[in-house]
Amino acid sequence: MSPQAPIDQWFKAEESDPGTDGVEVKFAVDGSIYVRDSRARGTGPILTFLPQAWEAFVRAVLNGEFDRPPMSMFDKAITHP
């Protein structure tokens, strides 16, 4: 996968509204990929991926491996007294 954003600059998904929460990604010159919480504005933790790990992560996202179950699944797990 090749990044479509300028190298060594943070970017946010085009679908994100400028004032909303989300994640930002940066493709570094050394090949590393960095991910941070956009709310933290550079003060929070940053995840670092090697290119192969990033490709595996993106592939898993595209394959739906991190999709949440429907909310009805959570309702069934909660028991009320």
N, C-alpha and C. Protein backbone atom coordinates (compact mmCIF):
# COMPACT_ATOMS: atom_id res chain seq x y z
N MET A 1 0.84 -1.18 0.00
CA MET A 1 0.00 0.00 0.00
C MET A 1 0.88 1.23 0.00
N SER A 2 0.53 2.18 -0.78
CA SER A 2 1.29 3.42 -0.78
C SER A 2 0.41 4.54 -0.25
N PRO A 3 0.96 5.36 0.64
CA PRO A 3 0.15 6.44 1.20
C PRO A 3 -0.21 7.47 0.14
N GLN A 4 -1.39 8.05 0.27
CA GLN A 4 -1.81 9.08 -0.66
C GLN A 4 -1.70 10.46 -0.04
N ALA A 5 -1.20 10.51 1.19
CA ALA A 5 -1.02 11.80 1.87
C ALA A 5 0.45 12.18 1.77
N PRO A 6 0.75 13.47 1.91
CA PRO A 6 2.15 13.88 1.92
C PRO A 6 2.90 13.15 3.03
N ILE A 7 4.11 12.72 2.75
CA ILE A 7 4.90 12.01 3.74
C ILE A 7 5.29 12.96 4.86
N ASP A 8 5.27 12.45 6.05
CA ASP A 8 5.67 13.15 7.27
C ASP A 8 4.72 14.29 7.65
N GLN A 9 3.45 14.18 7.28
CA GLN A 9 2.42 15.13 7.72
C GLN A 9 1.23 14.35 8.25
N TRP A 10 0.62 14.83 9.33
CA TRP A 10 -0.57 14.20 9.88
C TRP A 10 -1.76 14.49 8.98
N PHE A 11 -2.65 13.51 8.82
CA PHE A 11 -3.89 13.76 8.10
C PHE A 11 -5.02 12.99 8.75
N LYS A 12 -6.22 13.47 8.52
CA LYS A 12 -7.44 12.88 9.05
C LYS A 12 -8.28 12.43 7.86
N ALA A 13 -9.10 11.42 8.06
CA ALA A 13 -9.94 10.91 6.98
C ALA A 13 -10.77 12.03 6.36
N GLU A 14 -10.91 12.00 5.05
CA GLU A 14 -11.69 13.02 4.34
C GLU A 14 -13.14 13.04 4.80
N GLU A 15 -13.66 11.89 5.25
CA GLU A 15 -15.05 11.81 5.67
C GLU A 15 -15.28 12.44 7.04
N SER A 16 -14.21 12.71 7.79
CA SER A 16 -14.35 13.29 9.13
C SER A 16 -14.65 14.77 9.04
N ASP A 17 -15.53 15.22 9.94
CA ASP A 17 -15.78 16.65 10.05
C ASP A 17 -14.62 17.28 10.81
N PRO A 18 -14.22 18.47 10.46
CA PRO A 18 -13.07 19.10 11.12
C PRO A 18 -13.23 19.21 12.64
N GLY A 19 -14.43 19.41 13.14
CA GLY A 19 -14.62 19.60 14.57
C GLY A 19 -14.94 18.33 15.35
N THR A 20 -14.90 17.16 14.71
CA THR A 20 -15.27 15.93 15.41
C THR A 20 -14.05 15.12 15.80
N ASP A 21 -14.30 14.16 16.66
CA ASP A 21 -13.24 13.27 17.11
C ASP A 21 -12.89 12.27 16.02
N GLY A 22 -11.71 11.75 16.09
CA GLY A 22 -11.27 10.75 15.14
C GLY A 22 -9.81 10.43 15.36
N VAL A 23 -9.22 9.80 14.39
CA VAL A 23 -7.80 9.50 14.46
C VAL A 23 -7.08 10.20 13.31
N GLU A 24 -5.81 10.46 13.53
CA GLU A 24 -4.96 11.04 12.51
C GLU A 24 -3.83 10.05 12.23
N VAL A 25 -3.37 10.04 11.00
CA VAL A 25 -2.33 9.11 10.57
C VAL A 25 -1.21 9.90 9.92
N LYS A 26 0.01 9.43 10.13
CA LYS A 26 1.17 10.05 9.49
C LYS A 26 2.07 8.96 8.93
N PHE A 27 2.42 9.08 7.66
CA PHE A 27 3.37 8.18 7.02
C PHE A 27 4.73 8.87 7.08
N ALA A 28 5.65 8.32 7.86
CA ALA A 28 6.94 8.95 8.06
C ALA A 28 7.92 8.59 6.95
N VAL A 29 8.93 9.40 6.81
CA VAL A 29 9.95 9.21 5.79
C VAL A 29 10.66 7.86 5.96
N ASP A 30 10.81 7.40 7.21
CA ASP A 30 11.50 6.13 7.46
C ASP A 30 10.63 4.90 7.21
N GLY A 31 9.37 5.11 6.77
CA GLY A 31 8.47 4.00 6.48
C GLY A 31 7.50 3.67 7.61
N SER A 32 7.74 4.21 8.79
CA SER A 32 6.84 3.99 9.93
C SER A 32 5.51 4.69 9.70
N ILE A 33 4.47 4.15 10.31
CA ILE A 33 3.15 4.76 10.24
C ILE A 33 2.74 5.06 11.68
N TYR A 34 2.32 6.30 11.93
CA TYR A 34 1.93 6.74 13.26
C TYR A 34 0.44 7.04 13.28
N VAL A 35 -0.21 6.69 14.40
CA VAL A 35 -1.64 6.93 14.57
C VAL A 35 -1.86 7.58 15.93
N ARG A 36 -2.67 8.66 15.95
CA ARG A 36 -2.96 9.34 17.21
C ARG A 36 -4.43 9.77 17.25
N ASP A 37 -4.89 10.06 18.45
CA ASP A 37 -6.24 10.56 18.68
C ASP A 37 -6.25 12.04 18.32
N SER A 38 -7.16 12.44 17.45
CA SER A 38 -7.20 13.84 17.01
C SER A 38 -7.58 14.79 18.14
N ARG A 39 -8.27 14.31 19.16
CA ARG A 39 -8.64 15.17 20.29
C ARG A 39 -7.43 15.57 21.12
N ALA A 40 -6.40 14.73 21.15
CA ALA A 40 -5.24 14.97 22.00
C ALA A 40 -4.34 16.08 21.45
N ARG A 41 -4.47 16.40 20.18
CA ARG A 41 -3.70 17.48 19.55
C ARG A 41 -2.20 17.38 19.85
N GLY A 42 -1.67 16.17 19.71
CA GLY A 42 -0.24 15.98 19.87
C GLY A 42 0.22 15.76 21.30
N THR A 43 -0.69 15.70 22.27
CA THR A 43 -0.28 15.52 23.65
C THR A 43 -0.54 14.11 24.17
N GLY A 44 -1.24 13.30 23.40
CA GLY A 44 -1.57 11.94 23.83
C GLY A 44 -0.61 10.91 23.25
N PRO A 45 -0.88 9.64 23.54
CA PRO A 45 -0.03 8.57 23.03
C PRO A 45 -0.13 8.45 21.51
N ILE A 46 0.91 7.92 20.91
CA ILE A 46 0.97 7.69 19.47
C ILE A 46 1.30 6.22 19.24
N LEU A 47 0.48 5.54 18.45
CA LEU A 47 0.78 4.16 18.06
C LEU A 47 1.71 4.19 16.87
N THR A 48 2.70 3.30 16.87
CA THR A 48 3.64 3.22 15.76
C THR A 48 3.52 1.85 15.10
N PHE A 49 3.36 1.84 13.79
CA PHE A 49 3.25 0.60 13.02
C PHE A 49 4.42 0.49 12.05
N LEU A 50 4.95 -0.71 11.88
CA LEU A 50 5.85 -0.98 10.77
C LEU A 50 4.97 -1.17 9.54
N PRO A 51 5.50 -0.96 8.35
CA PRO A 51 4.66 -1.06 7.14
C PRO A 51 3.87 -2.37 7.03
N GLN A 52 4.51 -3.50 7.34
CA GLN A 52 3.82 -4.79 7.23
C GLN A 52 2.67 -4.89 8.23
N ALA A 53 2.88 -4.39 9.43
CA ALA A 53 1.82 -4.42 10.44
C ALA A 53 0.66 -3.51 10.05
N TRP A 54 0.99 -2.34 9.47
CA TRP A 54 -0.05 -1.41 9.03
C TRP A 54 -0.89 -2.05 7.92
N GLU A 55 -0.24 -2.70 6.98
CA GLU A 55 -0.97 -3.36 5.89
C GLU A 55 -1.90 -4.44 6.44
N ALA A 56 -1.42 -5.21 7.43
CA ALA A 56 -2.26 -6.25 8.03
C ALA A 56 -3.44 -5.63 8.77
N PHE A 57 -3.20 -4.52 9.47
CA PHE A 57 -4.27 -3.83 10.19
C PHE A 57 -5.33 -3.30 9.23
N VAL A 58 -4.90 -2.63 8.17
CA VAL A 58 -5.85 -2.08 7.20
C VAL A 58 -6.63 -3.21 6.53
N ARG A 59 -5.96 -4.29 6.20
CA ARG A 59 -6.64 -5.44 5.59
C ARG A 59 -7.71 -5.98 6.54
N ALA A 60 -7.39 -6.09 7.83
CA ALA A 60 -8.35 -6.59 8.81
C ALA A 60 -9.55 -5.65 8.93
N VAL A 61 -9.30 -4.35 8.90
CA VAL A 61 -10.41 -3.38 8.96
C VAL A 61 -11.30 -3.56 7.74
N LEU A 62 -10.70 -3.64 6.57
CA LEU A 62 -11.48 -3.78 5.34
C LEU A 62 -12.26 -5.09 5.30
N ASN A 63 -11.74 -6.13 5.97
CA ASN A 63 -12.42 -7.42 6.03
C ASN A 63 -13.48 -7.49 7.13
N GLY A 64 -13.64 -6.39 7.89
CA GLY A 64 -14.67 -6.35 8.92
C GLY A 64 -14.30 -7.05 10.21
N GLU A 65 -13.03 -7.33 10.42
CA GLU A 65 -12.62 -8.07 11.61
C GLU A 65 -12.82 -7.29 12.92
N PHE A 66 -12.98 -5.98 12.84
CA PHE A 66 -13.17 -5.17 14.04
C PHE A 66 -14.59 -4.60 14.13
N ASP A 67 -15.48 -5.05 13.27
CA ASP A 67 -16.85 -4.55 13.30
C ASP A 67 -17.51 -4.95 14.62
N ARG A 68 -18.32 -4.05 15.15
CA ARG A 68 -19.06 -4.32 16.36
C ARG A 68 -20.29 -5.15 16.05
N PRO A 69 -20.67 -6.00 17.01
CA PRO A 69 -21.94 -6.71 16.81
C PRO A 69 -23.08 -5.72 16.94
N PRO A 70 -24.26 -6.05 16.41
CA PRO A 70 -25.41 -5.15 16.55
C PRO A 70 -25.71 -4.90 18.02
N MET A 71 -26.27 -3.74 18.32
CA MET A 71 -26.59 -3.38 19.70
C MET A 71 -27.51 -4.40 20.35
N SER A 72 -28.36 -5.06 19.58
CA SER A 72 -29.26 -6.05 20.15
C SER A 72 -28.48 -7.19 20.81
N MET A 73 -27.27 -7.45 20.33
CA MET A 73 -26.43 -8.49 20.94
C MET A 73 -26.04 -8.08 22.36
N PHE A 74 -25.77 -6.80 22.57
CA PHE A 74 -25.41 -6.31 23.89
C PHE A 74 -26.62 -6.36 24.82
N ASP A 75 -27.79 -6.03 24.30
CA ASP A 75 -29.01 -6.04 25.12
C ASP A 75 -29.28 -7.43 25.68
N LYS A 76 -29.03 -8.45 24.90
CA LYS A 76 -29.29 -9.82 25.35
C LYS A 76 -28.32 -10.23 26.45
N ALA A 77 -27.11 -9.65 26.44
CA ALA A 77 -26.10 -10.02 27.42
C ALA A 77 -26.36 -9.37 28.77
N ILE A 78 -27.17 -8.34 28.81
CA ILE A 78 -27.45 -7.64 30.07
C ILE A 78 -28.68 -8.24 30.72
N THR A 79 -28.52 -8.62 31.97
CA THR A 79 -29.69 -9.16 32.69
C THR A 79 -30.18 -8.10 33.67
N HIS A 80 -31.46 -7.96 33.73
CA HIS A 80 -32.07 -7.00 34.63
C HIS A 80 -32.68 -7.74 35.81
N PRO A 81 -32.50 -7.21 37.02
CA PRO A 81 -33.08 -7.89 38.22
C PRO A 81 -34.59 -7.86 38.22
